[in-house]
């Protein structure tokens, strides 16, 4: 069960030129709200600037209280009122900053989520072949959440710290040059230690994230395959496998915590040791009469402000790395070529199909040729069955007709025109599919039938249900069409799900109908009801039927026997069943068809 490691949400990227380009590539979703964002930046600047006057006023309050003369302030009441005014102004600006940044982040990232989801929906199936659903969910949820935190908090804190440092340090140099020079001697050691330990701790944190991602893979696999786990009574085995993965996470996390604890202890020691040293030096100056007590008090508060800003830059740097990683993964999806067509004029086809020397390999197995020059044609309204062993290429034919993939070589024609020349949305609107494994959405029966024609009337939905022989059991439910089907339709039986899917296809009214093993998993009674519904559905439509139960395709016009990626036999049921040593006749014998 070893798997290639997937990129996890929160994974960091270097803070280099390319990384910043990726980050600002996502930042474009904020641009429609640029004036609100600019107002937030202004409020942030004013909030930080006003707050930096607070230490200065605190020192003046202490000096005036000691009877020192000051050209601007004469009483402590005067200074106290000014300090309260500073706090009130700072509070107003802080509120404005929080509100504007949140407004911009909520709207901008909602736009990003919508565009990301729209892009994922329009991406071709070949993209899904190479990605896990959990990974794509992580892009929309976790990665966007990281960007939300970045736009709402991290950017604001980064700008605040930059303003504090860019205003505070020059202010200290001007007001208290001797103390500032002494303080700056203590900072290099702290900065070098922060860079060294920070890099080492980030490596350990990334290892923890990777191991946690591996543990989550175990959960995802077992929940998606719960029936297999229970059928083989491997609950204990899976619990042990998950416990082992969690044990590795715990071991790495504890090791990381040890180093982080050492780093935090060192940071506190260095930071407050520096403040203590500065306080000691300032006290000697006060004792010598070279410095006033209020000035020393102001300087210590300024030092705490600046020291806190420097210490906070490490976390901000780490958050920006995460944001760049999230931006890179999101842009990778947004920049992927999708299938979204221009809005088409309605296309109506008659339903003739021709495969001309078509070759194909799946992108994930490019070295394995699934179709090897397959050729056949279907006339409008004709019913054609595709039979053959598993892996022969039957479903691949359908996938190519639906343009889920493109042929490696050869051409597919519909109505004498290459299907690649049609508008994709208009083309697919002429096709309807009833799959073997019916997927219903977790809403009501009404919503699932109407999925074939959004906006259909109540009468249209009811008629479609009647033609699909589904109305009898629907009417028997207390809520009728408003009965909820549960996740993936689990509240309905297999036959009921199939008939809902057939009603959906009838409502769609396709020109070309594809039936992919539509009755293979049903009991005899359900199969009889579903088969009757399918006969209604197939009337006057070009129909391709994939079937393993050969008893269900006796009445089709033509049977194509697919073997090793090519058409090995072609004819009616009577013709092929009477062919000595033919593939179809051998299949009939194996199924004991009388």
Protein backbone atom coordinates (compact mmCIF):
# COMPACT_ATOMS: atom_id res chain seq x y z
CA UNK A 1 0.00 0.00 0.00
CA UNK A 2 2.99 2.27 -0.41
CA UNK A 3 2.05 5.46 -2.16
CA UNK A 4 3.85 8.38 -3.70
CA UNK A 5 3.99 11.20 -1.19
CA UNK A 6 1.41 13.86 -1.93
CA UNK A 7 2.00 17.54 -1.29
CA UNK A 8 0.25 18.42 1.93
CA UNK A 9 -1.49 21.61 2.94
CA UNK A 10 0.83 23.73 5.06
CA UNK A 11 3.92 22.47 3.22
CA UNK A 12 6.42 25.30 2.96
CA UNK A 13 8.21 26.78 -0.03
CA UNK A 14 11.31 28.98 -0.23
CA UNK A 15 10.72 32.70 0.16
CA UNK A 16 12.49 33.49 -3.12
CA UNK A 17 11.61 35.41 -6.27
CA UNK A 18 9.64 32.53 -7.82
CA UNK A 19 7.80 31.85 -4.57
CA UNK A 20 6.79 35.49 -4.21
CA UNK A 21 5.62 35.49 -7.84
CA UNK A 22 3.34 32.55 -7.03
CA UNK A 23 2.04 34.28 -3.93
CA UNK A 24 1.24 37.51 -5.74
CA UNK A 25 -0.33 35.40 -8.52
CA UNK A 26 -3.02 34.41 -6.00
CA UNK A 27 -3.04 37.95 -4.60
CA UNK A 28 -4.86 39.06 -7.80
CA UNK A 29 -8.11 37.83 -6.25
CA UNK A 30 -7.80 40.70 -3.77
CA UNK A 31 -7.46 43.33 -6.52
CA UNK A 32 -11.23 43.83 -7.05
CA UNK A 33 -11.29 45.06 -3.44
CA UNK A 34 -8.06 47.06 -3.66
CA UNK A 35 -9.51 50.32 -2.29
CA UNK A 36 -10.90 48.58 0.77
CA UNK A 37 -7.53 46.85 1.19
CA UNK A 38 -5.75 50.22 0.82
CA UNK A 39 -7.98 51.65 3.54
CA UNK A 40 -6.99 48.73 5.76
CA UNK A 41 -3.29 49.38 5.07
CA UNK A 42 -3.74 53.05 5.96
CA UNK A 43 -5.53 52.11 9.19
CA UNK A 44 -2.75 49.64 10.01
CA UNK A 45 -0.05 52.27 9.41
CA UNK A 46 -1.82 54.86 11.53
CA UNK A 47 -2.54 52.32 14.27
CA UNK A 48 1.11 51.27 14.48
CA UNK A 49 2.40 54.84 14.25
CA UNK A 50 0.09 56.16 16.95
CA UNK A 51 0.93 53.25 19.26
CA UNK A 52 4.65 54.03 19.04
CA UNK A 53 4.00 57.33 20.82
CA UNK A 54 2.78 55.44 23.89
CA UNK A 55 6.24 54.52 25.32
CA UNK A 56 7.41 58.09 24.86
CA UNK A 57 4.39 59.47 26.74
CA UNK A 58 4.86 56.84 29.48
CA UNK A 59 8.36 58.15 30.11
CA UNK A 60 7.18 61.75 30.18
CA UNK A 61 4.47 60.79 32.69
CA UNK A 62 7.14 59.41 35.01
CA UNK A 63 9.41 62.45 34.60
CA UNK A 64 6.66 65.00 35.28
CA UNK A 65 5.55 62.97 38.32
CA UNK A 66 9.11 63.40 39.67
CA UNK A 67 8.93 67.16 39.20
CA UNK A 68 11.02 67.35 36.03
CA UNK A 69 10.22 70.31 33.79
CA UNK A 70 9.02 69.71 30.23
CA UNK A 71 8.35 72.30 27.49
CA UNK A 72 5.18 70.48 26.32
CA UNK A 73 3.62 68.98 29.45
CA UNK A 74 3.07 70.56 32.86
CA UNK A 75 0.84 68.04 34.71
CA UNK A 76 0.45 64.28 34.85
CA UNK A 77 -3.30 64.66 34.17
CA UNK A 78 -2.48 66.29 30.87
CA UNK A 79 -0.24 63.39 29.84
CA UNK A 80 -2.66 60.73 31.13
CA UNK A 81 -5.53 62.20 29.10
CA UNK A 82 -3.32 62.28 26.02
CA UNK A 83 -2.35 58.62 26.56
CA UNK A 84 -6.04 57.67 26.83
CA UNK A 85 -6.67 59.59 23.61
CA UNK A 86 -3.82 57.71 21.92
CA UNK A 87 -5.33 54.38 23.00
CA UNK A 88 -8.79 55.36 21.75
CA UNK A 89 -7.44 56.48 18.37
CA UNK A 90 -5.37 53.31 18.14
CA UNK A 91 -8.47 51.23 18.97
CA UNK A 92 -10.49 52.89 16.19
CA UNK A 93 -7.73 52.31 13.64
CA UNK A 94 -7.29 48.69 14.82
CA UNK A 95 -11.02 48.01 14.42
CA UNK A 96 -10.97 49.53 10.95
CA UNK A 97 -7.93 47.46 10.02
CA UNK A 98 -9.46 44.16 11.25
CA UNK A 99 -12.78 44.86 9.53
CA UNK A 100 -11.30 45.87 6.15
CA UNK A 101 -8.76 43.03 6.04
CA UNK A 102 -11.44 40.47 6.94
CA UNK A 103 -13.85 41.93 4.37
CA UNK A 104 -11.23 41.74 1.62
CA UNK A 105 -10.07 38.26 2.65
CA UNK A 106 -13.58 36.79 2.84
CA UNK A 107 -14.66 38.18 -0.54
CA UNK A 108 -11.34 37.62 -2.33
CA UNK A 109 -10.89 34.05 -1.15
CA UNK A 110 -14.55 33.21 -1.80
CA UNK A 111 -13.84 34.26 -5.39
CA UNK A 112 -10.73 32.07 -5.33
CA UNK A 113 -12.64 29.07 -3.97
CA UNK A 114 -15.31 29.49 -6.62
CA UNK A 115 -12.80 29.78 -9.46
CA UNK A 116 -10.77 26.85 -8.10
CA UNK A 117 -13.88 24.67 -7.81
CA UNK A 118 -15.03 25.73 -11.29
CA UNK A 119 -11.61 24.88 -12.70
CA UNK A 120 -11.59 21.45 -11.02
CA UNK A 121 -15.09 20.69 -12.36
CA UNK A 122 -14.02 21.57 -15.91
CA UNK A 123 -10.76 19.59 -15.83
CA UNK A 124 -10.61 16.41 -17.96
CA UNK A 125 -10.74 12.92 -16.52
CA UNK A 126 -7.05 12.43 -17.31
CA UNK A 127 -6.36 15.00 -14.56
CA UNK A 128 -8.39 13.00 -12.01
CA UNK A 129 -6.50 9.84 -12.98
CA UNK A 130 -3.35 11.37 -11.51
CA UNK A 131 -4.81 13.09 -8.42
CA UNK A 132 -6.42 11.87 -5.23
CA UNK A 133 -9.81 13.33 -4.36
CA UNK A 134 -8.55 14.08 -0.85
CA UNK A 135 -5.70 16.11 -2.34
CA UNK A 136 -8.11 18.20 -4.43
CA UNK A 137 -10.33 18.74 -1.39
CA UNK A 138 -7.26 19.94 0.49
CA UNK A 139 -6.61 22.55 -2.20
CA UNK A 140 -10.08 24.08 -1.74
CA UNK A 141 -10.16 23.81 2.06
CA UNK A 142 -6.77 23.73 3.78
CA UNK A 143 -4.71 25.65 1.23
CA UNK A 144 -7.29 28.41 0.89
CA UNK A 145 -7.60 28.53 4.70
CA UNK A 146 -3.85 29.12 4.94
CA UNK A 147 -4.15 31.97 2.45
CA UNK A 148 -7.07 33.37 4.46
CA UNK A 149 -4.93 33.46 7.59
CA UNK A 150 -2.13 35.04 5.59
CA UNK A 151 -4.27 37.81 4.10
CA UNK A 152 -6.19 38.45 7.32
CA UNK A 153 -3.47 38.19 9.98
CA UNK A 154 0.02 37.37 8.70
CA UNK A 155 0.30 40.23 6.20
CA UNK A 156 -1.05 42.67 8.76
CA UNK A 157 1.43 41.47 11.37
CA UNK A 158 4.30 41.59 8.87
CA UNK A 159 3.49 45.18 7.94
CA UNK A 160 3.05 46.08 11.61
CA UNK A 161 6.44 44.60 12.56
CA UNK A 162 8.13 46.29 9.61
CA UNK A 163 6.60 49.64 10.60
CA UNK A 164 7.62 49.17 14.25
CA UNK A 165 11.20 48.39 13.23
CA UNK A 166 11.47 51.04 10.52
CA UNK A 167 10.02 53.78 12.77
CA UNK A 168 11.11 52.54 16.19
CA UNK A 169 14.83 51.96 15.57
CA UNK A 170 15.48 55.40 13.94
CA UNK A 171 13.44 56.96 16.76
CA UNK A 172 15.62 55.26 19.36
CA UNK A 173 18.79 56.31 17.55
CA UNK A 174 17.64 59.94 17.59
CA UNK A 175 16.28 60.06 21.14
CA UNK A 176 18.61 57.66 22.97
CA UNK A 177 21.80 57.12 20.91
CA UNK A 178 23.98 55.62 23.69
CA UNK A 179 21.38 53.16 24.90
CA UNK A 180 20.48 52.19 21.31
CA UNK A 181 24.10 51.38 20.45
CA UNK A 182 24.35 49.19 23.57
CA UNK A 183 21.05 47.45 22.73
CA UNK A 184 22.07 46.66 19.14
CA UNK A 185 25.12 44.78 20.42
CA UNK A 186 22.80 42.16 21.97
CA UNK A 187 20.66 41.54 18.84
CA UNK A 188 23.07 39.79 16.40
CA UNK A 189 23.42 36.75 18.67
CA UNK A 190 19.62 36.42 18.90
CA UNK A 191 19.11 36.80 15.15
CA UNK A 192 21.81 34.25 14.20
CA UNK A 193 20.45 31.74 16.72
CA UNK A 194 16.91 32.29 15.44
CA UNK A 195 17.95 31.61 11.84
CA UNK A 196 19.94 28.47 12.73
CA UNK A 197 17.42 26.90 15.08
CA UNK A 198 14.46 28.04 13.00
CA UNK A 199 15.73 26.26 9.88
CA UNK A 200 16.39 23.04 11.80
CA UNK A 201 12.99 23.10 13.50
CA UNK A 202 11.24 23.75 10.17
CA UNK A 203 12.81 20.59 8.72
CA UNK A 204 11.52 18.55 11.65
CA UNK A 205 8.08 20.17 11.35
CA UNK A 206 7.93 19.28 7.66
CA UNK A 207 8.87 15.69 8.48
CA UNK A 208 5.99 15.61 10.99
CA UNK A 209 3.59 16.94 8.33
CA UNK A 210 4.71 14.30 5.85
CA UNK A 211 4.24 11.50 8.36
CA UNK A 212 0.82 12.85 9.34
CA UNK A 213 -0.13 12.92 5.64
CA UNK A 214 0.89 9.24 5.39
CA UNK A 215 -1.29 8.48 8.43
CA UNK A 216 -4.21 10.31 6.81
CA UNK A 217 -3.77 8.16 3.70
CA UNK A 218 -4.50 5.11 5.88
CA UNK A 219 -7.73 6.74 7.12
CA UNK A 220 -8.78 7.76 3.61
CA UNK A 221 -8.15 4.30 2.17
CA UNK A 222 -9.98 2.42 4.91
CA UNK A 223 -13.01 4.73 4.95
CA UNK A 224 -13.36 4.57 1.17
CA UNK A 225 -13.00 0.77 1.27
CA UNK A 226 -14.94 0.10 4.47
CA UNK A 227 -16.85 -2.81 2.91
CA UNK A 228 -13.61 -4.54 1.88
CA UNK A 229 -12.08 -4.02 5.34
CA UNK A 230 -15.13 -5.56 7.02
CA UNK A 231 -15.50 -8.35 4.49
CA UNK A 232 -11.95 -9.50 5.27
CA UNK A 233 -12.37 -8.75 9.02
CA UNK A 234 -9.26 -6.56 8.93
CA UNK A 235 -10.47 -3.86 11.34
CA UNK A 236 -7.75 -4.73 13.87
CA UNK A 237 -5.10 -4.80 11.13
CA UNK A 238 -6.08 -1.31 9.91
CA UNK A 239 -6.17 0.05 13.47
CA UNK A 240 -2.67 -1.31 14.05
CA UNK A 241 -1.48 0.19 10.74
CA UNK A 242 -2.90 3.60 11.70
CA UNK A 243 -1.47 3.34 15.22
CA UNK A 244 1.98 2.61 13.77
CA UNK A 245 1.75 5.68 11.53
CA UNK A 246 0.63 7.83 14.47
CA UNK A 247 3.54 6.49 16.52
CA UNK A 248 5.99 7.81 13.93
CA UNK A 249 4.23 11.19 14.00
CA UNK A 250 4.44 11.32 17.80
CA UNK A 251 8.15 10.42 17.87
CA UNK A 252 9.06 13.13 15.39
CA UNK A 253 6.77 15.70 17.01
CA UNK A 254 8.29 15.08 20.46
CA UNK A 255 11.80 15.43 19.04
CA UNK A 256 10.73 18.68 17.41
CA UNK A 257 9.23 19.86 20.71
CA UNK A 258 12.57 19.26 22.50
CA UNK A 259 14.47 21.47 20.08
CA UNK A 260 11.68 24.05 20.02
CA UNK A 261 11.74 24.15 23.83
CA UNK A 262 15.50 24.73 23.82
CA UNK A 263 15.08 27.45 21.20
CA UNK A 264 12.27 29.20 23.10
CA UNK A 265 14.23 29.06 26.35
CA UNK A 266 17.28 30.49 24.61
CA UNK A 267 15.17 33.21 22.97
CA UNK A 268 13.64 34.25 26.29
CA UNK A 269 17.04 34.21 27.96
CA UNK A 270 18.68 36.22 25.17
CA UNK A 271 15.80 38.68 24.75
CA UNK A 272 15.21 39.43 28.41
CA UNK A 273 18.91 39.16 29.16
CA UNK A 274 19.43 41.89 26.59
CA UNK A 275 16.68 43.98 28.16
CA UNK A 276 18.26 43.42 31.58
CA UNK A 277 21.66 44.46 30.26
CA UNK A 278 20.17 47.58 28.69
CA UNK A 279 18.33 48.32 31.93
CA UNK A 280 21.54 47.93 33.91
CA UNK A 281 23.44 50.23 31.55
CA UNK A 282 20.63 52.80 31.66
CA UNK A 283 20.52 52.63 35.46
CA UNK A 284 24.22 53.48 35.61
CA UNK A 285 23.55 56.49 33.39
CA UNK A 286 20.67 57.58 35.63
CA UNK A 287 22.86 57.15 38.68
CA UNK A 288 25.52 59.30 37.03
CA UNK A 289 22.92 61.97 36.23
CA UNK A 290 23.37 61.54 32.47
CA UNK A 291 19.86 60.18 31.84
CA UNK A 292 16.41 60.81 33.25
CA UNK A 293 14.35 57.94 34.72
CA UNK A 294 11.45 58.61 32.33
CA UNK A 295 13.75 58.34 29.31
CA UNK A 296 15.08 54.99 30.54
CA UNK A 297 11.52 53.76 31.13
CA UNK A 298 10.48 54.83 27.60
CA UNK A 299 13.55 53.19 26.12
CA UNK A 300 12.89 49.86 27.83
CA UNK A 301 9.31 49.82 26.52
CA UNK A 302 10.55 50.68 23.01
CA UNK A 303 13.12 47.89 23.32
CA UNK A 304 10.38 45.42 24.26
CA UNK A 305 8.35 46.57 21.25
CA UNK A 306 11.28 46.13 18.87
CA UNK A 307 12.45 42.86 20.44
CA UNK A 308 8.93 41.43 20.16
CA UNK A 309 8.79 42.49 16.51
CA UNK A 310 12.08 40.78 15.71
CA UNK A 311 11.05 37.62 17.58
CA UNK A 312 7.71 37.58 15.72
CA UNK A 313 9.35 37.75 12.31
CA UNK A 314 10.32 34.07 12.56
CA UNK A 315 6.69 32.91 12.80
CA UNK A 316 5.65 35.37 10.09
CA UNK A 317 8.40 34.03 7.81
CA UNK A 318 7.19 30.48 8.43
CA UNK A 319 3.58 31.45 7.69
CA UNK A 320 4.62 33.16 4.46
CA UNK A 321 6.45 30.00 3.40
CA UNK A 322 3.25 28.02 3.96
CA UNK A 323 1.26 30.61 2.02
CA UNK A 324 3.70 30.41 -0.90
CA UNK A 325 3.39 26.60 -0.90
CA UNK A 326 -0.41 26.89 -0.93
CA UNK A 327 -0.27 29.51 -3.70
CA UNK A 328 1.94 27.29 -5.82
CA UNK A 329 -0.38 24.29 -5.52
CA UNK A 330 -3.49 26.39 -6.21
CA UNK A 331 -1.93 28.09 -9.25
CA UNK A 332 -0.86 24.70 -10.59
CA UNK A 333 -4.54 23.73 -10.79
CA UNK A 334 -5.73 27.13 -12.03
CA UNK A 335 -3.15 27.07 -14.83
CA UNK A 336 -4.05 23.53 -15.99
CA UNK A 337 -5.79 23.37 -19.35
CA UNK A 338 -9.47 22.52 -18.90
CA UNK A 339 -12.42 21.51 -21.05
CA UNK A 340 -14.53 24.62 -20.54
CA UNK A 341 -16.00 25.55 -23.93
CA UNK A 342 -17.42 28.80 -25.14
CA UNK A 343 -21.18 28.97 -24.80
CA UNK A 344 -22.44 27.06 -27.86
CA UNK A 345 -25.40 27.40 -30.14
CA UNK A 346 -27.61 24.33 -29.57
CA UNK A 347 -26.27 21.26 -31.41
CA UNK A 348 -28.60 18.49 -32.54
CA UNK A 349 -27.06 15.36 -34.03
CA UNK A 350 -28.77 12.46 -35.80
CA UNK A 351 -26.64 9.82 -34.07
CA UNK A 352 -24.39 8.12 -36.64
CA UNK A 353 -21.07 6.98 -35.14
CA UNK A 354 -17.86 5.85 -36.81
CA UNK A 355 -14.58 4.77 -35.23
CA UNK A 356 -11.82 4.89 -37.86
CA UNK A 357 -8.58 3.04 -36.99
CA UNK A 358 -8.60 4.35 -33.41
CA UNK A 359 -5.62 3.65 -31.15
CA UNK A 360 -5.51 4.64 -27.50
CA UNK A 361 -3.41 4.38 -24.34
CA UNK A 362 -4.42 5.83 -20.99
CA UNK A 363 -2.14 8.72 -19.89
CA UNK A 364 -1.24 6.91 -16.67
CA UNK A 365 -0.23 3.76 -18.66
CA UNK A 366 1.12 5.23 -21.87
CA UNK A 367 3.11 2.06 -22.65
CA UNK A 368 -0.03 -0.15 -22.68
CA UNK A 369 -2.07 0.09 -25.89
CA UNK A 370 -5.72 -0.51 -24.96
CA UNK A 371 -7.27 0.02 -28.42
CA UNK A 372 -5.33 -1.19 -31.44
CA UNK A 373 -6.80 0.24 -34.60
CA UNK A 374 -10.48 -0.34 -33.76
CA UNK A 375 -12.95 0.48 -36.55
CA UNK A 376 -16.75 0.18 -36.73
CA UNK A 377 -19.78 2.25 -37.66
CA UNK A 378 -23.28 2.69 -36.21
CA UNK A 379 -26.25 4.09 -38.12
CA UNK A 380 -28.73 6.55 -36.56
CA UNK A 381 -31.25 4.75 -34.35
CA UNK A 382 -29.28 1.49 -34.46
CA UNK A 383 -28.77 -0.57 -31.31
CA UNK A 384 -25.26 -2.00 -31.00
CA UNK A 385 -23.86 -4.16 -28.21
CA UNK A 386 -20.19 -4.28 -27.22
CA UNK A 387 -19.16 -7.58 -25.65
CA UNK A 388 -15.89 -9.17 -24.73
CA UNK A 389 -13.69 -10.14 -21.83
CA UNK A 390 -12.83 -7.67 -19.07
CA UNK A 391 -10.05 -5.36 -20.19
CA UNK A 392 -10.79 -5.87 -23.88
CA UNK A 393 -11.49 -2.15 -24.39
CA UNK A 394 -15.30 -1.84 -24.25
CA UNK A 395 -15.45 0.91 -21.62
CA UNK A 396 -12.55 2.68 -23.31
CA UNK A 397 -14.64 2.96 -26.49
CA UNK A 398 -17.35 4.70 -24.47
CA UNK A 399 -14.84 6.98 -22.73
CA UNK A 400 -13.50 8.11 -26.10
CA UNK A 401 -16.98 8.65 -27.54
CA UNK A 402 -17.80 10.86 -24.53
CA UNK A 403 -14.49 12.70 -25.12
CA UNK A 404 -13.28 11.90 -21.63
CA UNK A 405 -9.98 11.16 -23.39
CA UNK A 406 -8.59 11.80 -26.85
CA UNK A 407 -7.43 8.98 -29.19
CA UNK A 408 -3.71 8.43 -29.53
CA UNK A 409 -4.30 7.94 -33.26
CA UNK A 410 -7.30 7.65 -35.56
CA UNK A 411 -10.54 9.64 -35.72
CA UNK A 412 -14.03 9.30 -34.23
CA UNK A 413 -16.87 10.69 -36.34
CA UNK A 414 -20.40 11.57 -35.29
CA UNK A 415 -22.74 12.57 -38.13
CA UNK A 416 -19.71 12.39 -40.44
CA UNK A 417 -17.85 15.08 -38.48
CA UNK A 418 -14.85 14.58 -36.19
CA UNK A 419 -16.09 14.86 -32.62
CA UNK A 420 -13.15 17.15 -31.80
CA UNK A 421 -14.68 19.85 -34.02
CA UNK A 422 -17.88 20.06 -31.98
CA UNK A 423 -18.34 22.40 -29.05
CA UNK A 424 -17.76 19.99 -26.16
CA UNK A 425 -20.73 21.08 -24.04
CA UNK A 426 -23.09 21.09 -27.01
CA UNK A 427 -21.79 17.70 -28.14
CA UNK A 428 -22.15 15.98 -24.77
CA UNK A 429 -25.68 17.38 -24.36
CA UNK A 430 -26.71 14.90 -27.07
CA UNK A 431 -25.39 11.89 -25.12
CA UNK A 432 -26.93 10.11 -22.15
CA UNK A 433 -25.39 7.46 -19.92
CA UNK A 434 -26.90 4.83 -17.63
CA UNK A 435 -23.89 3.35 -15.79
CA UNK A 436 -23.47 0.02 -14.07
CA UNK A 437 -22.72 1.67 -10.71
CA UNK A 438 -25.31 4.42 -10.40
CA UNK A 439 -24.12 7.47 -8.51
CA UNK A 440 -26.96 9.48 -7.00
CA UNK A 441 -26.46 12.78 -5.22
CA UNK A 442 -27.47 13.00 -1.59
CA UNK A 443 -30.59 15.11 -2.20
CA UNK A 444 -34.12 14.09 -3.16
CA UNK A 445 -35.38 11.78 -5.88
CA UNK A 446 -36.77 14.86 -7.65
CA UNK A 447 -33.32 16.53 -7.69
CA UNK A 448 -31.63 13.37 -8.97
CA UNK A 449 -34.07 12.90 -11.86
CA UNK A 450 -34.02 16.62 -12.70
CA UNK A 451 -30.22 16.43 -12.95
CA UNK A 452 -30.80 15.20 -16.51
CA UNK A 453 -32.57 18.47 -17.34
CA UNK A 454 -32.11 21.22 -14.73
CA UNK A 455 -35.25 23.34 -14.48
CA UNK A 456 -37.57 20.56 -15.65
CA UNK A 457 -41.22 20.90 -14.64
CA UNK A 458 -43.00 18.65 -12.14
CA UNK A 459 -44.94 17.01 -14.96
CA UNK A 460 -41.79 16.29 -17.00
CA UNK A 461 -40.13 14.65 -14.00
CA UNK A 462 -43.24 12.57 -13.26
CA UNK A 463 -43.55 11.39 -16.91
CA UNK A 464 -39.85 10.43 -16.96
CA UNK A 465 -40.30 8.44 -13.73
CA UNK A 466 -43.33 6.65 -15.18
CA UNK A 467 -41.48 5.70 -18.39
CA UNK A 468 -38.65 4.36 -16.24
CA UNK A 469 -41.10 2.23 -14.21
CA UNK A 470 -39.95 4.17 -11.16
CA UNK A 471 -43.16 6.01 -10.34
CA UNK A 472 -44.73 3.05 -8.53
CA UNK A 473 -42.08 2.86 -5.81
CA UNK A 474 -41.66 6.67 -5.71
CA UNK A 475 -45.38 7.18 -5.10
CA UNK A 476 -45.18 4.57 -2.32
CA UNK A 477 -42.80 6.74 -0.29
CA UNK A 478 -44.46 9.16 2.18
CA UNK A 479 -42.54 12.10 0.69
CA UNK A 480 -42.82 10.94 -2.93
CA UNK A 481 -40.40 12.81 -5.20
CA UNK A 482 -39.10 14.70 -2.17
CA UNK A 483 -37.80 11.50 -0.56
CA UNK A 484 -34.13 11.91 0.31
CA UNK A 485 -31.95 9.16 -1.18
CA UNK A 486 -29.04 9.43 1.27
CA UNK A 487 -25.33 9.59 0.50
CA UNK A 488 -24.74 8.13 -2.99
CA UNK A 489 -28.34 6.80 -2.92
CA UNK A 490 -27.84 4.29 -0.09
CA UNK A 491 -31.49 4.52 1.03
CA UNK A 492 -32.68 3.02 -2.27
CA UNK A 493 -32.23 -0.53 -3.51
CA UNK A 494 -30.05 -1.31 -6.52
CA UNK A 495 -33.04 -1.64 -8.84
CA UNK A 496 -34.57 1.60 -7.56
CA UNK A 497 -31.31 3.47 -8.11
CA UNK A 498 -31.08 2.11 -11.65
CA UNK A 499 -34.62 3.23 -12.48
CA UNK A 500 -33.96 6.71 -11.09
CA UNK A 501 -30.87 6.84 -13.33
CA UNK A 502 -32.97 5.72 -16.30
CA UNK A 503 -35.58 8.39 -15.52
CA UNK A 504 -32.76 10.92 -15.46
CA UNK A 505 -31.60 9.74 -18.90
CA UNK A 506 -35.17 9.80 -20.28
CA UNK A 507 -35.57 13.38 -19.08
CA UNK A 508 -32.31 14.31 -20.79
CA UNK A 509 -33.72 12.93 -24.06
CA UNK A 510 -30.32 12.10 -25.63
CA UNK A 511 -29.76 11.26 -29.29
CA UNK A 512 -27.04 8.74 -28.41
CA UNK A 513 -27.68 6.48 -25.41
CA UNK A 514 -24.94 4.55 -23.62
CA UNK A 515 -25.86 1.64 -21.35
CA UNK A 516 -22.85 0.43 -19.38
CA UNK A 517 -23.70 -2.92 -17.74
CA UNK A 518 -26.97 -1.34 -16.62
CA UNK A 519 -28.51 -4.58 -15.28
CA UNK A 520 -25.48 -6.68 -14.35
CA UNK A 521 -25.73 -6.22 -10.58
CA UNK A 522 -29.51 -6.72 -10.22
CA UNK A 523 -31.63 -9.65 -9.10
CA UNK A 524 -33.98 -11.30 -11.57
CA UNK A 525 -37.09 -9.28 -10.53
CA UNK A 526 -35.28 -5.95 -10.57
CA UNK A 527 -33.57 -6.83 -13.85
CA UNK A 528 -36.93 -7.49 -15.48
CA UNK A 529 -38.28 -4.10 -14.36
CA UNK A 530 -35.11 -2.25 -15.34
CA UNK A 531 -34.95 -4.02 -18.72
CA UNK A 532 -38.51 -2.90 -19.47
CA UNK A 533 -37.53 0.66 -18.57
CA UNK A 534 -34.46 0.43 -20.79
CA UNK A 535 -36.55 -0.72 -23.75
CA UNK A 536 -38.63 2.45 -23.34
CA UNK A 537 -35.48 4.50 -23.17
CA UNK A 538 -33.85 2.93 -26.25
CA UNK A 539 -36.74 3.67 -28.59
CA UNK A 540 -35.70 5.80 -31.59
CA UNK A 541 -32.19 6.40 -30.23
CA UNK A 542 -28.75 5.30 -31.30
CA UNK A 543 -27.78 2.98 -28.47
CA UNK A 544 -24.48 1.43 -27.42
CA UNK A 545 -24.83 -1.35 -24.88
CA UNK A 546 -21.98 -2.83 -22.87
CA UNK A 547 -23.09 -6.16 -21.46
CA UNK A 548 -21.66 -9.25 -19.83
CA UNK A 549 -25.05 -10.95 -19.54
CA UNK A 550 -25.52 -11.93 -23.16
CA UNK A 551 -29.18 -12.75 -22.54
CA UNK A 552 -29.91 -9.01 -22.35
CA UNK A 553 -28.66 -8.18 -25.86
CA UNK A 554 -30.41 -10.70 -28.08
CA UNK A 555 -32.64 -8.05 -29.62
CA UNK A 556 -29.94 -5.53 -30.59
CA UNK A 557 -29.26 -4.90 -34.29
CA UNK A 558 -25.53 -5.63 -34.18
CA UNK A 559 -23.11 -7.19 -31.72
CA UNK A 560 -19.45 -6.14 -31.80
CA UNK A 561 -17.10 -8.57 -30.11
CA UNK A 562 -14.08 -6.64 -28.80
CA UNK A 563 -10.94 -8.67 -28.28
CA UNK A 564 -7.49 -7.31 -27.47
CA UNK A 565 -8.45 -3.75 -28.44
CA UNK A 566 -9.99 -4.51 -31.83
CA UNK A 567 -13.27 -5.73 -33.34
CA UNK A 568 -12.86 -9.49 -33.63
CA UNK A 569 -16.45 -10.38 -34.67
CA UNK A 570 -19.49 -8.47 -35.88
CA UNK A 571 -23.04 -9.61 -36.55
CA UNK A 572 -26.45 -10.36 -35.06
CA UNK A 573 -27.02 -12.72 -32.15
CA UNK A 574 -28.12 -15.51 -34.50
CA UNK A 575 -25.14 -15.06 -36.83
CA UNK A 576 -22.51 -14.99 -34.10
CA UNK A 577 -24.02 -17.76 -31.98
CA UNK A 578 -23.92 -20.14 -34.97
CA UNK A 579 -20.29 -19.37 -35.81
CA UNK A 580 -18.19 -22.47 -34.97
CA UNK A 581 -15.43 -21.75 -32.43
CA UNK A 582 -16.31 -18.06 -32.47
CA UNK A 583 -15.57 -15.87 -29.47
CA UNK A 584 -19.23 -14.96 -29.01
CA UNK A 585 -20.44 -18.53 -29.31
CA UNK A 586 -17.86 -19.62 -26.74
CA UNK A 587 -19.04 -16.88 -24.38
CA UNK A 588 -22.59 -18.15 -24.82
CA UNK A 589 -21.52 -21.66 -23.92
CA UNK A 590 -19.67 -20.43 -20.85
CA UNK A 591 -22.82 -18.64 -19.65
CA UNK A 592 -24.96 -21.61 -20.59
CA UNK A 593 -27.34 -19.48 -22.58
CA UNK A 594 -30.07 -21.66 -24.05
